[in-house]
Every structure is written in C-alpha cells, then in structure tokens.
Amino acid sequence: MITYRAMIALDIPVVASLEKEIFKDDPWSMGQFKEEVSNNGITRHYLVACDAQHQIVGWAGALCAADGANTDILTIAVVPELRMRGIARHMLTSLIDWAYTKNSPQIFLEVEKNNQPAQALYISEGFEIISQRPDYYGAGIDALVMSKVLT
C-alpha cells in the first residue's frame, strides 16, 4: 500500500539520494530540496509517496508564487521498480488540486521529449504540448513544455 504525505526536512537526504539515482545527469542538490521544502505549504507544495515499510518511493513538487498566479510543476519522480502503478498520477492530481486552491489559471511543466510514459500521463490528465526547449536537460536533450488550463 502506498501512502502520501507532505515532504518534510527529514525526508531530504533520502529524496536527494534517490534523485541522484533517477536523474543521474542533472539531479537536484540537497540545498535545492531544502530551499523548496522550506516554503512547503506557502508557495510550494511538495509531497512524498511511501511504501508499506514507510520508505520513500516517489516525490513531487510545484510552485505557485502568489494566489492567482500560474503554477509550475517542478518535479515528479517514482523509483523505477514501482512505476506504472498510479503513484505518479496520484501525486500529479494532488499538485493539480493544490493549484486549484491557489486559484491558478494555468499549470505548466517540462518533460523530456523522449519520456513517452510521462507525456502519456500528462496528456491523460488534460495537459497539452505548447512548445519545446532545445537542450533543456543538457546537450541534445530537449524538453517539451506542457500546460493545462484550470479556469
């Protein structure tokens, strides 16, 4: 059984370690996670997914700078062995729900152009591709910018 809760500072070492495994080419640092989580519940919404043994198996986060501003999904990750089980979808819908509470008119995210499973998830939740960012994830690794209108 997977449970979900707000990310707290004590989660950061585990999340940062998993981040290095999943995003080998460009992982977030512990400092970046600390900065994000320090604003959790204010301008940020970060959550973790935990397995039955209370081990973190996924995380997600979004930014909305002010009430009524657009929301940006900054990260969604699930450990490889538990992908395609609805964990990312649950976290994504949690971020979307939070964006509604912030009165965001629109929500944005970037996804690697070659990450077809993630793109399929986002499209199934109403996101559309609006542009492309060359070399966003490094040389030759483009990002697609996707958005969903909320109002």
N, C-alpha and C. Protein backbone atom coordinates (compact mmCIF):
# COMPACT_ATOMS: atom_id res chain seq x y z
N MET A 1 0.85 -1.19 0.00
CA MET A 1 0.00 0.00 0.00
C MET A 1 0.89 1.25 0.00
N ILE A 2 0.54 2.19 -0.82
CA ILE A 2 1.27 3.46 -0.91
C ILE A 2 0.50 4.52 -0.14
N THR A 3 1.22 5.29 0.66
CA THR A 3 0.62 6.43 1.36
C THR A 3 1.34 7.70 0.90
N TYR A 4 0.66 8.81 1.06
CA TYR A 4 1.19 10.10 0.60
C TYR A 4 1.13 11.09 1.76
N ARG A 5 2.15 11.92 1.84
CA ARG A 5 2.17 12.95 2.89
C ARG A 5 3.05 14.10 2.43
N ALA A 6 2.98 15.20 3.15
CA ALA A 6 3.83 16.35 2.85
C ALA A 6 5.29 15.98 3.06
N MET A 7 6.15 16.48 2.18
CA MET A 7 7.59 16.28 2.36
C MET A 7 8.06 17.19 3.50
N ILE A 8 8.92 16.64 4.35
CA ILE A 8 9.49 17.41 5.46
C ILE A 8 11.01 17.40 5.34
N ALA A 9 11.66 18.24 6.12
CA ALA A 9 13.12 18.38 6.04
C ALA A 9 13.83 17.05 6.27
N LEU A 10 13.30 16.21 7.15
CA LEU A 10 13.94 14.92 7.43
C LEU A 10 13.93 13.98 6.22
N ASP A 11 13.05 14.24 5.25
CA ASP A 11 12.99 13.41 4.03
C ASP A 11 14.09 13.76 3.03
N ILE A 12 14.67 14.93 3.15
CA ILE A 12 15.57 15.44 2.11
C ILE A 12 16.76 14.54 1.82
N PRO A 13 17.47 14.01 2.82
CA PRO A 13 18.61 13.14 2.47
C PRO A 13 18.21 11.93 1.63
N VAL A 14 17.08 11.31 1.96
CA VAL A 14 16.62 10.15 1.19
C VAL A 14 16.21 10.57 -0.21
N VAL A 15 15.43 11.63 -0.31
CA VAL A 15 14.97 12.11 -1.61
C VAL A 15 16.17 12.52 -2.47
N ALA A 16 17.12 13.22 -1.89
CA ALA A 16 18.30 13.66 -2.66
C ALA A 16 19.11 12.46 -3.15
N SER A 17 19.20 11.42 -2.34
CA SER A 17 19.92 10.21 -2.75
C SER A 17 19.20 9.52 -3.90
N LEU A 18 17.89 9.38 -3.79
CA LEU A 18 17.11 8.77 -4.88
C LEU A 18 17.16 9.63 -6.13
N GLU A 19 17.15 10.94 -5.94
CA GLU A 19 17.24 11.88 -7.06
C GLU A 19 18.50 11.62 -7.88
N LYS A 20 19.61 11.36 -7.20
CA LYS A 20 20.88 11.09 -7.90
C LYS A 20 20.81 9.80 -8.71
N GLU A 21 20.06 8.82 -8.23
CA GLU A 21 19.91 7.56 -8.95
C GLU A 21 19.00 7.72 -10.17
N ILE A 22 17.92 8.46 -10.00
CA ILE A 22 16.92 8.58 -11.07
C ILE A 22 17.33 9.60 -12.12
N PHE A 23 17.84 10.74 -11.68
CA PHE A 23 18.23 11.82 -12.59
C PHE A 23 19.75 11.96 -12.59
N LYS A 24 20.41 10.94 -13.05
CA LYS A 24 21.88 10.88 -13.00
C LYS A 24 22.57 12.08 -13.62
N ASP A 25 22.04 12.59 -14.73
CA ASP A 25 22.71 13.65 -15.47
C ASP A 25 22.55 15.03 -14.84
N ASP A 26 21.46 15.26 -14.12
CA ASP A 26 21.21 16.60 -13.58
C ASP A 26 20.34 16.54 -12.32
N PRO A 27 20.82 15.88 -11.26
CA PRO A 27 19.99 15.79 -10.05
C PRO A 27 19.97 17.10 -9.28
N TRP A 28 18.87 17.31 -8.55
CA TRP A 28 18.81 18.44 -7.63
C TRP A 28 19.74 18.15 -6.46
N SER A 29 20.29 19.20 -5.87
CA SER A 29 21.15 19.06 -4.70
C SER A 29 20.29 19.06 -3.43
N MET A 30 20.91 18.66 -2.33
CA MET A 30 20.22 18.74 -1.04
C MET A 30 19.83 20.19 -0.75
N GLY A 31 20.70 21.12 -1.11
CA GLY A 31 20.40 22.53 -0.90
C GLY A 31 19.17 22.98 -1.66
N GLN A 32 19.02 22.51 -2.89
CA GLN A 32 17.82 22.87 -3.66
C GLN A 32 16.57 22.32 -2.99
N PHE A 33 16.62 21.06 -2.55
CA PHE A 33 15.46 20.50 -1.87
C PHE A 33 15.16 21.24 -0.57
N LYS A 34 16.20 21.60 0.19
CA LYS A 34 15.98 22.34 1.43
C LYS A 34 15.29 23.67 1.17
N GLU A 35 15.73 24.36 0.14
CA GLU A 35 15.12 25.65 -0.23
C GLU A 35 13.65 25.46 -0.59
N GLU A 36 13.37 24.44 -1.39
CA GLU A 36 11.99 24.20 -1.81
C GLU A 36 11.10 23.82 -0.62
N VAL A 37 11.57 22.88 0.18
CA VAL A 37 10.76 22.38 1.29
C VAL A 37 10.57 23.44 2.38
N SER A 38 11.50 24.38 2.49
CA SER A 38 11.34 25.45 3.48
C SER A 38 10.12 26.31 3.19
N ASN A 39 9.65 26.29 1.96
CA ASN A 39 8.46 27.05 1.58
C ASN A 39 7.24 26.15 1.36
N ASN A 40 7.34 24.89 1.79
CA ASN A 40 6.24 23.95 1.60
C ASN A 40 5.00 24.44 2.33
N GLY A 41 3.89 24.42 1.62
CA GLY A 41 2.64 24.88 2.19
C GLY A 41 2.39 26.36 2.00
N ILE A 42 3.39 27.09 1.55
CA ILE A 42 3.24 28.53 1.33
C ILE A 42 3.18 28.77 -0.17
N THR A 43 4.34 28.83 -0.79
CA THR A 43 4.39 29.00 -2.25
C THR A 43 4.74 27.69 -2.95
N ARG A 44 5.01 26.65 -2.18
CA ARG A 44 5.36 25.35 -2.73
C ARG A 44 4.45 24.27 -2.15
N HIS A 45 4.31 23.20 -2.93
CA HIS A 45 3.59 22.02 -2.45
C HIS A 45 4.43 20.81 -2.82
N TYR A 46 5.07 20.20 -1.83
CA TYR A 46 5.91 19.02 -2.03
C TYR A 46 5.34 17.86 -1.23
N LEU A 47 5.29 16.70 -1.85
CA LEU A 47 4.80 15.52 -1.18
C LEU A 47 5.69 14.33 -1.50
N VAL A 48 5.60 13.32 -0.66
CA VAL A 48 6.31 12.07 -0.89
C VAL A 48 5.30 10.94 -0.89
N ALA A 49 5.66 9.88 -1.62
CA ALA A 49 4.91 8.63 -1.62
C ALA A 49 5.75 7.62 -0.85
N CYS A 50 5.13 6.89 0.06
CA CYS A 50 5.85 5.92 0.89
C CYS A 50 5.21 4.54 0.75
N ASP A 51 6.06 3.51 0.76
CA ASP A 51 5.56 2.14 0.67
C ASP A 51 5.11 1.65 2.05
N ALA A 52 4.72 0.38 2.13
CA ALA A 52 4.20 -0.17 3.38
C ALA A 52 5.23 -0.15 4.50
N GLN A 53 6.51 -0.13 4.15
CA GLN A 53 7.57 -0.06 5.16
C GLN A 53 7.97 1.40 5.46
N HIS A 54 7.18 2.34 4.96
CA HIS A 54 7.39 3.78 5.17
C HIS A 54 8.65 4.30 4.47
N GLN A 55 9.11 3.58 3.46
CA GLN A 55 10.25 4.03 2.66
C GLN A 55 9.75 4.94 1.54
N ILE A 56 10.44 6.02 1.29
CA ILE A 56 10.05 6.95 0.22
C ILE A 56 10.30 6.29 -1.13
N VAL A 57 9.26 6.27 -1.95
CA VAL A 57 9.35 5.66 -3.29
C VAL A 57 9.02 6.65 -4.40
N GLY A 58 8.65 7.87 -4.02
CA GLY A 58 8.34 8.90 -5.01
C GLY A 58 8.19 10.25 -4.35
N TRP A 59 8.28 11.28 -5.15
CA TRP A 59 8.10 12.64 -4.65
C TRP A 59 7.67 13.54 -5.80
N ALA A 60 7.07 14.65 -5.43
CA ALA A 60 6.61 15.61 -6.43
C ALA A 60 6.54 16.98 -5.77
N GLY A 61 6.64 18.01 -6.61
CA GLY A 61 6.56 19.36 -6.08
C GLY A 61 6.15 20.37 -7.12
N ALA A 62 5.52 21.44 -6.64
CA ALA A 62 5.06 22.51 -7.52
C ALA A 62 5.26 23.85 -6.83
N LEU A 63 5.26 24.89 -7.65
CA LEU A 63 5.45 26.27 -7.20
C LEU A 63 4.30 27.12 -7.71
N CYS A 64 3.75 27.93 -6.82
CA CYS A 64 2.80 28.98 -7.19
C CYS A 64 3.20 30.20 -6.37
N ALA A 65 3.78 31.19 -7.03
CA ALA A 65 4.40 32.33 -6.34
C ALA A 65 3.40 33.18 -5.57
N ALA A 66 2.16 33.23 -6.02
CA ALA A 66 1.15 34.05 -5.35
C ALA A 66 -0.23 33.54 -5.72
N ASP A 67 -1.20 33.83 -4.87
CA ASP A 67 -2.57 33.45 -5.17
C ASP A 67 -2.97 34.07 -6.51
N GLY A 68 -3.50 33.25 -7.40
CA GLY A 68 -3.91 33.72 -8.71
C GLY A 68 -2.84 33.65 -9.78
N ALA A 69 -1.63 33.24 -9.40
CA ALA A 69 -0.53 33.11 -10.38
C ALA A 69 -0.55 31.71 -10.99
N ASN A 70 0.12 31.57 -12.11
CA ASN A 70 0.27 30.25 -12.71
C ASN A 70 1.08 29.35 -11.78
N THR A 71 0.85 28.05 -11.89
CA THR A 71 1.59 27.06 -11.12
C THR A 71 2.55 26.33 -12.04
N ASP A 72 3.74 26.04 -11.53
CA ASP A 72 4.74 25.26 -12.26
C ASP A 72 5.01 23.97 -11.50
N ILE A 73 4.82 22.85 -12.16
CA ILE A 73 5.23 21.57 -11.58
C ILE A 73 6.73 21.47 -11.79
N LEU A 74 7.46 21.32 -10.69
CA LEU A 74 8.91 21.35 -10.74
C LEU A 74 9.53 19.97 -10.80
N THR A 75 8.87 18.99 -10.21
CA THR A 75 9.42 17.63 -10.21
C THR A 75 8.34 16.61 -9.90
N ILE A 76 8.46 15.47 -10.55
CA ILE A 76 7.69 14.27 -10.21
C ILE A 76 8.63 13.10 -10.48
N ALA A 77 8.80 12.25 -9.49
CA ALA A 77 9.68 11.09 -9.68
C ALA A 77 9.16 9.90 -8.87
N VAL A 78 9.33 8.73 -9.45
CA VAL A 78 8.98 7.47 -8.80
C VAL A 78 10.13 6.50 -9.04
N VAL A 79 10.49 5.73 -8.02
CA VAL A 79 11.57 4.76 -8.19
C VAL A 79 11.20 3.81 -9.33
N PRO A 80 12.17 3.40 -10.14
CA PRO A 80 11.87 2.60 -11.34
C PRO A 80 11.05 1.35 -11.09
N GLU A 81 11.31 0.64 -10.01
CA GLU A 81 10.61 -0.63 -9.78
C GLU A 81 9.14 -0.46 -9.43
N LEU A 82 8.68 0.75 -9.15
CA LEU A 82 7.27 0.98 -8.81
C LEU A 82 6.56 1.88 -9.81
N ARG A 83 7.14 2.10 -10.96
CA ARG A 83 6.48 2.93 -11.97
C ARG A 83 5.31 2.17 -12.60
N MET A 84 4.42 2.94 -13.20
CA MET A 84 3.24 2.42 -13.88
C MET A 84 2.25 1.76 -12.91
N ARG A 85 2.21 2.25 -11.68
CA ARG A 85 1.29 1.73 -10.68
C ARG A 85 0.38 2.82 -10.12
N GLY A 86 0.37 3.96 -10.78
CA GLY A 86 -0.53 5.04 -10.37
C GLY A 86 0.05 6.01 -9.35
N ILE A 87 1.29 5.81 -8.94
CA ILE A 87 1.89 6.69 -7.93
C ILE A 87 2.09 8.09 -8.50
N ALA A 88 2.67 8.18 -9.68
CA ALA A 88 2.89 9.50 -10.29
C ALA A 88 1.55 10.18 -10.57
N ARG A 89 0.56 9.42 -11.03
CA ARG A 89 -0.76 10.01 -11.30
C ARG A 89 -1.35 10.59 -10.01
N HIS A 90 -1.26 9.86 -8.93
CA HIS A 90 -1.80 10.35 -7.66
C HIS A 90 -1.12 11.65 -7.24
N MET A 91 0.21 11.68 -7.36
CA MET A 91 0.94 12.90 -6.98
C MET A 91 0.61 14.05 -7.93
N LEU A 92 0.49 13.76 -9.23
CA LEU A 92 0.13 14.79 -10.20
C LEU A 92 -1.23 15.38 -9.87
N THR A 93 -2.21 14.54 -9.59
CA THR A 93 -3.54 15.08 -9.28
C THR A 93 -3.52 15.88 -7.97
N SER A 94 -2.67 15.49 -7.04
CA SER A 94 -2.52 16.27 -5.81
C SER A 94 -1.98 17.66 -6.12
N LEU A 95 -0.99 17.73 -7.01
CA LEU A 95 -0.44 19.04 -7.40
C LEU A 95 -1.47 19.88 -8.13
N ILE A 96 -2.24 19.25 -9.00
CA ILE A 96 -3.30 19.97 -9.73
C ILE A 96 -4.34 20.50 -8.75
N ASP A 97 -4.76 19.65 -7.81
CA ASP A 97 -5.73 20.08 -6.80
C ASP A 97 -5.20 21.26 -6.00
N TRP A 98 -3.92 21.22 -5.63
CA TRP A 98 -3.31 22.33 -4.90
C TRP A 98 -3.32 23.60 -5.75
N ALA A 99 -3.04 23.47 -7.05
CA ALA A 99 -3.06 24.64 -7.94
C ALA A 99 -4.45 25.28 -7.96
N TYR A 100 -5.49 24.45 -7.92
CA TYR A 100 -6.85 24.99 -7.86
C TYR A 100 -7.04 25.80 -6.58
N THR A 101 -6.49 25.32 -5.46
CA THR A 101 -6.66 26.06 -4.20
C THR A 101 -5.92 27.39 -4.23
N LYS A 102 -4.91 27.50 -5.08
CA LYS A 102 -4.15 28.75 -5.24
C LYS A 102 -4.77 29.65 -6.31
N ASN A 103 -5.92 29.24 -6.84
CA ASN A 103 -6.61 30.00 -7.89
C ASN A 103 -5.74 30.20 -9.13
N SER A 104 -4.91 29.23 -9.42
CA SER A 104 -4.05 29.30 -10.62
C SER A 104 -4.90 29.16 -11.87
N PRO A 105 -4.70 30.04 -12.84
CA PRO A 105 -5.43 29.91 -14.09
C PRO A 105 -4.85 28.81 -14.99
N GLN A 106 -3.56 28.50 -14.80
CA GLN A 106 -2.91 27.55 -15.69
C GLN A 106 -1.76 26.88 -14.94
N ILE A 107 -1.46 25.65 -15.33
CA ILE A 107 -0.36 24.91 -14.73
C ILE A 107 0.58 24.44 -15.83
N PHE A 108 1.88 24.56 -15.58
CA PHE A 108 2.90 24.24 -16.57
C PHE A 108 3.86 23.18 -16.04
N LEU A 109 4.51 22.48 -16.96
CA LEU A 109 5.59 21.56 -16.62
C LEU A 109 6.46 21.34 -17.84
N GLU A 110 7.67 20.85 -17.58
CA GLU A 110 8.57 20.43 -18.65
C GLU A 110 8.78 18.93 -18.51
N VAL A 111 8.87 18.26 -19.64
CA VAL A 111 9.12 16.82 -19.66
C VAL A 111 10.11 16.51 -20.77
N GLU A 112 10.99 15.56 -20.52
CA GLU A 112 11.96 15.18 -21.54
C GLU A 112 11.22 14.69 -22.78
N LYS A 113 11.66 15.16 -23.93
CA LYS A 113 10.99 14.85 -25.20
C LYS A 113 10.89 13.34 -25.44
N ASN A 114 11.86 12.58 -24.95
CA ASN A 114 11.85 11.13 -25.17
C ASN A 114 11.13 10.35 -24.08
N ASN A 115 10.57 11.02 -23.09
CA ASN A 115 9.90 10.34 -21.98
C ASN A 115 8.42 10.14 -22.32
N GLN A 116 8.17 9.14 -23.15
CA GLN A 116 6.80 8.89 -23.62
C GLN A 116 5.83 8.50 -22.50
N PRO A 117 6.22 7.66 -21.52
CA PRO A 117 5.27 7.33 -20.45
C PRO A 117 4.81 8.56 -19.67
N ALA A 118 5.73 9.47 -19.36
CA ALA A 118 5.35 10.68 -18.62
C ALA A 118 4.44 11.56 -19.48
N GLN A 119 4.78 11.70 -20.75
CA GLN A 119 3.94 12.51 -21.63
C GLN A 119 2.53 11.94 -21.71
N ALA A 120 2.42 10.62 -21.80
CA ALA A 120 1.10 9.98 -21.87
C ALA A 120 0.31 10.26 -20.59
N LEU A 121 0.97 10.21 -19.44
CA LEU A 121 0.31 10.53 -18.18
C LEU A 121 -0.21 11.96 -18.20
N TYR A 122 0.64 12.90 -18.58
CA TYR A 122 0.24 14.31 -18.57
C TYR A 122 -0.90 14.57 -19.55
N ILE A 123 -0.83 13.99 -20.73
CA ILE A 123 -1.90 14.16 -21.72
C ILE A 123 -3.20 13.58 -21.18
N SER A 124 -3.13 12.43 -20.51
CA SER A 124 -4.35 11.82 -19.96
C SER A 124 -4.98 12.67 -18.87
N GLU A 125 -4.19 13.56 -18.27
CA GLU A 125 -4.70 14.46 -17.23
C GLU A 125 -5.03 15.85 -17.78
N GLY A 126 -5.05 15.98 -19.11
CA GLY A 126 -5.50 17.23 -19.72
C GLY A 126 -4.43 18.21 -20.11
N PHE A 127 -3.16 17.83 -20.02
CA PHE A 127 -2.07 18.71 -20.44
C PHE A 127 -1.90 18.64 -21.95
N GLU A 128 -1.45 19.74 -22.52
CA GLU A 128 -1.16 19.82 -23.95
C GLU A 128 0.25 20.34 -24.15
N ILE A 129 0.90 19.87 -25.20
CA ILE A 129 2.23 20.36 -25.55
C ILE A 129 2.08 21.75 -26.16
N ILE A 130 2.82 22.73 -25.62
CA ILE A 130 2.70 24.09 -26.14
C ILE A 130 3.99 24.60 -26.77
N SER A 131 5.13 24.00 -26.41
CA SER A 131 6.39 24.43 -27.02
C SER A 131 7.48 23.41 -26.71
N GLN A 132 8.66 23.70 -27.22
CA GLN A 132 9.82 22.83 -27.00
C GLN A 132 11.00 23.69 -26.58
N ARG A 133 11.83 23.17 -25.67
CA ARG A 133 13.03 23.87 -25.22
C ARG A 133 14.25 23.02 -25.58
N PRO A 134 14.99 23.44 -26.60
CA PRO A 134 16.18 22.68 -27.01
C PRO A 134 17.23 22.64 -25.90
N ASP A 135 17.84 21.49 -25.73
CA ASP A 135 18.95 21.29 -24.80
C ASP A 135 18.60 21.62 -23.34
N TYR A 136 17.34 21.59 -22.99
CA TYR A 136 16.89 21.96 -21.64
C TYR A 136 17.51 21.06 -20.57
N TYR A 137 17.61 19.77 -20.89
CA TYR A 137 18.17 18.81 -19.93
C TYR A 137 19.63 18.47 -20.24
N GLY A 138 20.28 19.28 -21.06
CA GLY A 138 21.66 19.04 -21.45
C GLY A 138 21.76 18.97 -22.96
N ALA A 139 22.98 18.85 -23.44
CA ALA A 139 23.22 18.84 -24.89
C ALA A 139 22.44 17.72 -25.57
N GLY A 140 21.57 18.12 -26.50
CA GLY A 140 20.80 17.17 -27.27
C GLY A 140 19.60 16.57 -26.57
N ILE A 141 19.30 17.05 -25.36
CA ILE A 141 18.16 16.51 -24.61
C ILE A 141 17.12 17.63 -24.46
N ASP A 142 16.14 17.59 -25.34
CA ASP A 142 15.12 18.64 -25.37
C ASP A 142 14.00 18.38 -24.38
N ALA A 143 13.34 19.45 -23.99
CA ALA A 143 12.15 19.37 -23.15
C ALA A 143 10.94 19.83 -23.94
N LEU A 144 9.82 19.21 -23.66
CA LEU A 144 8.54 19.70 -24.14
C LEU A 144 7.91 20.48 -22.99
N VAL A 145 7.37 21.64 -23.30
CA VAL A 145 6.62 22.41 -22.31
C VAL A 145 5.15 22.05 -22.49
N MET A 146 4.52 21.66 -21.39
CA MET A 146 3.11 21.28 -21.44
C MET A 146 2.34 22.17 -20.48
N SER A 147 1.07 22.37 -20.79
CA SER A 147 0.24 23.18 -19.89
C SER A 147 -1.17 22.63 -19.83
N LYS A 148 -1.84 23.02 -18.77
CA LYS A 148 -3.24 22.67 -18.57
C LYS A 148 -3.93 23.92 -18.06
N VAL A 149 -5.00 24.30 -18.73
CA VAL A 149 -5.79 25.45 -18.30
C VAL A 149 -6.71 24.98 -17.18
N LEU A 150 -6.72 25.73 -16.08
CA LEU A 150 -7.50 25.34 -14.91
C LEU A 150 -8.79 26.14 -14.77
N THR A 151 -8.87 27.30 -15.40
CA THR A 151 -10.09 28.11 -15.23
C THR A 151 -10.80 28.28 -16.55
